[in-house]
Amino acid sequence: MRNEIRTFIAIKINPDQKLLDQFRTFKKLFNAERINWVAEDNFHLTLRFIGNTTREQLYGLVDRLEEVANDTSKFSFKIQGAGYFKSKGNPRVLFVRITEEEAMSQLAGKVEEIVTSIGFLPELKPFRPHLTLGRIKFLENRNRFMSVIDELPDKEYQQVEVSEFILYQSILRPEGPVYKPIQTFELQ
């Protein structure tokens, strides 16, 4: 193991057929655009991206995250609607929305406290739960992309029952990232 590995904490999402159908529709609709699509088996809701993590920090995270899991009840959320994050006016991330449940916000808050207590810098952006479908490199027709997404009905794709969260290692590869579970934390 190198001195540091790249890590994040997330809830794994196993997509239902409705969600997969919408994802595949997006891929067809925007097949001429330069979008790096997320692999269907990599779908997840990030609670906290951490980044480079030492072995000592990893041990501290695992111990403290176990405490959080033992103190957190199972919960559920809905995946519905779609949107995009922009940077300098250009769409950069295509996602489906996740209804923010109180239990999810509390879990994300506890995770943030632990991550900062281990010595990582606090997250500057507020927690905005979403499921990334694709990272946009370049859009040939930006207006078409935005109007398609903006005009989509806000329909529900899936209900997700959360019984665990996972500390992952993210291994960057040219063909796309590989997410390797380090430790799974069962909720009560």
Protein backbone atom coordinates (compact mmCIF):
# COMPACT_ATOMS: atom_id res chain seq x y z
CA MET A 1 0.00 0.00 0.00
CA ARG A 2 1.31 3.43 -0.90
CA ASN A 3 1.68 6.00 1.86
CA GLU A 4 -1.66 7.57 0.93
CA ILE A 5 -4.79 6.40 -0.81
CA ARG A 6 -7.70 8.43 -2.19
CA THR A 7 -10.89 7.86 -0.16
CA PHE A 8 -14.53 8.86 0.17
CA ILE A 9 -17.57 7.83 2.22
CA ALA A 10 -20.78 6.95 0.40
CA ILE A 11 -24.07 5.08 0.27
CA LYS A 12 -24.07 2.47 -2.52
CA ILE A 13 -27.08 2.72 -4.84
CA ASN A 14 -28.21 -0.41 -6.63
CA PRO A 15 -30.29 1.03 -9.47
CA ASP A 16 -33.84 -0.17 -10.16
CA GLN A 17 -35.06 -0.56 -13.74
CA LYS A 18 -36.76 2.88 -13.87
CA LEU A 19 -33.51 4.60 -12.91
CA LEU A 20 -31.49 2.52 -15.37
CA ASP A 21 -33.99 3.30 -18.15
CA GLN A 22 -33.66 7.06 -17.51
CA PHE A 23 -29.86 6.81 -17.37
CA ARG A 24 -29.78 4.95 -20.68
CA THR A 25 -32.18 7.51 -22.20
CA PHE A 26 -29.77 10.29 -21.21
CA LYS A 27 -26.88 8.39 -22.79
CA LYS A 28 -28.84 8.09 -26.07
CA LEU A 29 -30.08 11.69 -26.01
CA PHE A 30 -26.58 13.05 -25.43
CA ASN A 31 -24.51 10.47 -27.31
CA ALA A 32 -22.89 13.19 -29.45
CA GLU A 33 -21.72 15.12 -26.38
CA ARG A 34 -18.44 14.61 -24.54
CA ILE A 35 -19.75 13.19 -21.28
CA ASN A 36 -17.91 10.66 -19.10
CA TRP A 37 -20.75 8.44 -17.92
CA VAL A 38 -20.63 6.79 -14.50
CA ALA A 39 -20.61 2.99 -14.67
CA GLU A 40 -23.96 1.62 -13.48
CA ASP A 41 -22.25 -0.50 -10.83
CA ASN A 42 -20.53 2.63 -9.45
CA PHE A 43 -23.75 4.52 -8.57
CA HIS A 44 -23.46 6.03 -5.11
CA LEU A 45 -24.45 8.99 -2.96
CA THR A 46 -21.30 10.64 -1.63
CA LEU A 47 -21.57 11.61 2.02
CA ARG A 48 -18.04 13.04 2.05
CA PHE A 49 -15.16 13.03 -0.41
CA ILE A 50 -11.94 12.89 1.62
CA GLY A 51 -9.05 12.60 -0.84
CA ASN A 52 -5.51 11.54 0.06
CA THR A 53 -5.60 9.57 3.31
CA THR A 54 -2.72 8.08 5.31
CA ARG A 55 -2.86 4.66 6.97
CA GLU A 56 -3.10 6.31 10.42
CA GLN A 57 -5.98 8.54 9.29
CA LEU A 58 -7.69 5.48 7.82
CA TYR A 59 -7.53 3.62 11.15
CA GLY A 60 -8.96 6.66 12.94
CA LEU A 61 -11.76 6.98 10.39
CA VAL A 62 -12.76 3.33 10.64
CA ASP A 63 -12.94 3.45 14.46
CA ARG A 64 -14.97 6.65 14.57
CA LEU A 65 -17.27 5.72 11.67
CA GLU A 66 -18.11 2.46 13.47
CA GLU A 67 -19.36 4.58 16.40
CA VAL A 68 -21.53 6.65 14.05
CA ALA A 69 -23.03 3.53 12.44
CA ASN A 70 -23.87 2.08 15.87
CA ASP A 71 -25.68 5.34 16.70
CA THR A 72 -27.61 5.70 13.42
CA SER A 73 -30.90 4.07 12.44
CA LYS A 74 -31.72 2.77 8.98
CA PHE A 75 -33.58 5.25 6.75
CA SER A 76 -34.75 5.70 3.17
CA PHE A 77 -34.76 8.35 0.46
CA LYS A 78 -36.19 8.88 -3.02
CA ILE A 79 -34.38 9.48 -6.29
CA GLN A 80 -36.42 11.80 -8.48
CA GLY A 81 -35.97 14.47 -11.12
CA ALA A 82 -32.71 15.50 -12.76
CA GLY A 83 -30.43 18.50 -12.82
CA TYR A 84 -26.93 19.71 -13.49
CA PHE A 85 -24.23 21.60 -11.67
CA LYS A 86 -22.62 24.47 -13.54
CA SER A 87 -19.17 25.99 -13.46
CA LYS A 88 -18.65 29.39 -15.07
CA GLY A 89 -22.07 29.08 -16.72
CA ASN A 90 -21.39 25.70 -18.31
CA PRO A 91 -22.99 22.43 -17.18
CA ARG A 92 -20.30 20.18 -15.68
CA VAL A 93 -22.20 17.39 -13.90
CA LEU A 94 -25.48 15.67 -14.85
CA PHE A 95 -27.27 14.14 -11.86
CA VAL A 96 -30.55 12.86 -10.53
CA ARG A 97 -31.88 14.49 -7.40
CA ILE A 98 -32.11 12.81 -4.04
CA THR A 99 -34.73 13.89 -1.51
CA GLU A 100 -32.87 15.12 1.52
CA GLU A 101 -34.21 13.29 4.52
CA GLU A 102 -33.41 14.50 8.02
CA ALA A 103 -31.65 11.21 8.83
CA MET A 104 -29.40 11.59 5.78
CA SER A 105 -28.46 15.16 6.73
CA GLN A 106 -27.68 14.05 10.27
CA LEU A 107 -25.50 11.20 9.01
CA ALA A 108 -23.64 13.53 6.63
CA GLY A 109 -23.13 15.99 9.51
CA LYS A 110 -21.71 13.30 11.79
CA VAL A 111 -19.41 12.07 9.01
CA GLU A 112 -18.19 15.64 8.43
CA GLU A 113 -17.42 16.05 12.15
CA ILE A 114 -15.36 12.86 12.17
CA VAL A 115 -13.46 13.68 8.99
CA THR A 116 -12.47 17.11 10.32
CA SER A 117 -11.60 15.68 13.77
CA ILE A 118 -9.11 13.32 12.06
CA GLY A 119 -7.35 16.37 10.62
CA PHE A 120 -8.95 16.99 7.22
CA LEU A 121 -10.07 20.46 6.20
CA PRO A 122 -13.80 21.16 6.53
CA GLU A 123 -15.96 20.83 3.43
CA LEU A 124 -16.60 24.32 2.07
CA LYS A 125 -19.74 23.51 0.08
CA PRO A 126 -22.99 22.60 1.81
CA PHE A 127 -24.11 18.96 1.59
CA ARG A 128 -26.25 18.55 -1.56
CA PRO A 129 -27.30 14.93 -1.97
CA HIS A 130 -27.31 13.77 -5.59
CA LEU A 131 -26.44 10.81 -7.78
CA THR A 132 -23.92 11.77 -10.46
CA LEU A 133 -24.73 10.18 -13.83
CA GLY A 134 -22.07 11.86 -15.93
CA ARG A 135 -19.24 14.39 -15.87
CA ILE A 136 -19.48 16.80 -18.77
CA LYS A 137 -16.25 17.53 -20.63
CA PHE A 138 -17.76 19.57 -23.47
CA LEU A 139 -21.23 20.18 -24.92
CA GLU A 140 -21.64 20.78 -28.65
CA ASN A 141 -25.19 21.99 -28.00
CA ARG A 142 -25.33 23.45 -24.52
CA ASN A 143 -28.78 25.04 -24.99
CA ARG A 144 -30.33 21.73 -26.09
CA PHE A 145 -28.77 19.93 -23.12
CA MET A 146 -30.05 22.49 -20.61
CA SER A 147 -33.55 22.65 -22.11
CA VAL A 148 -33.89 18.83 -22.15
CA ILE A 149 -32.91 18.59 -18.49
CA ASP A 150 -34.83 21.69 -17.38
CA GLU A 151 -38.04 20.47 -19.06
CA LEU A 152 -37.97 16.92 -17.66
CA PRO A 153 -40.89 16.08 -15.39
CA ASP A 154 -39.89 15.66 -11.74
CA LYS A 155 -40.75 11.95 -11.65
CA GLU A 156 -39.68 9.44 -9.04
CA TYR A 157 -37.23 6.80 -10.24
CA GLN A 158 -36.51 4.82 -7.13
CA GLN A 159 -36.89 4.49 -3.36
CA VAL A 160 -33.62 3.53 -1.64
CA GLU A 161 -33.52 1.76 1.72
CA VAL A 162 -30.29 2.63 3.53
CA SER A 163 -28.93 0.01 5.90
CA GLU A 164 -25.21 0.79 5.55
CA PHE A 165 -22.59 3.22 4.34
CA ILE A 166 -19.14 2.46 2.98
CA LEU A 167 -15.63 3.87 3.21
CA TYR A 168 -14.21 3.50 -0.31
CA GLN A 169 -10.83 3.75 -1.96
CA SER A 170 -11.02 5.53 -5.32
CA ILE A 171 -8.48 4.26 -7.83
CA LEU A 172 -8.23 6.53 -10.86
CA ARG A 173 -7.72 4.73 -14.17
CA PRO A 174 -7.82 6.04 -17.78
CA GLU A 175 -10.91 3.90 -18.50
CA GLY A 176 -12.71 5.28 -15.43
CA PRO A 177 -12.40 5.12 -11.64
CA VAL A 178 -12.55 1.89 -9.64
CA TYR A 179 -14.25 2.13 -6.26
CA LYS A 180 -12.94 -0.47 -3.82
CA PRO A 181 -14.80 -0.85 -0.50
CA ILE A 182 -12.44 -0.60 2.47
CA GLN A 183 -15.01 -1.01 5.25
CA THR A 184 -18.81 -1.30 5.35
CA PHE A 185 -20.67 0.18 8.32
CA GLU A 186 -24.05 -1.37 9.19
CA LEU A 187 -26.77 0.97 10.50
CA GLN A 188 -29.01 -0.07 13.39
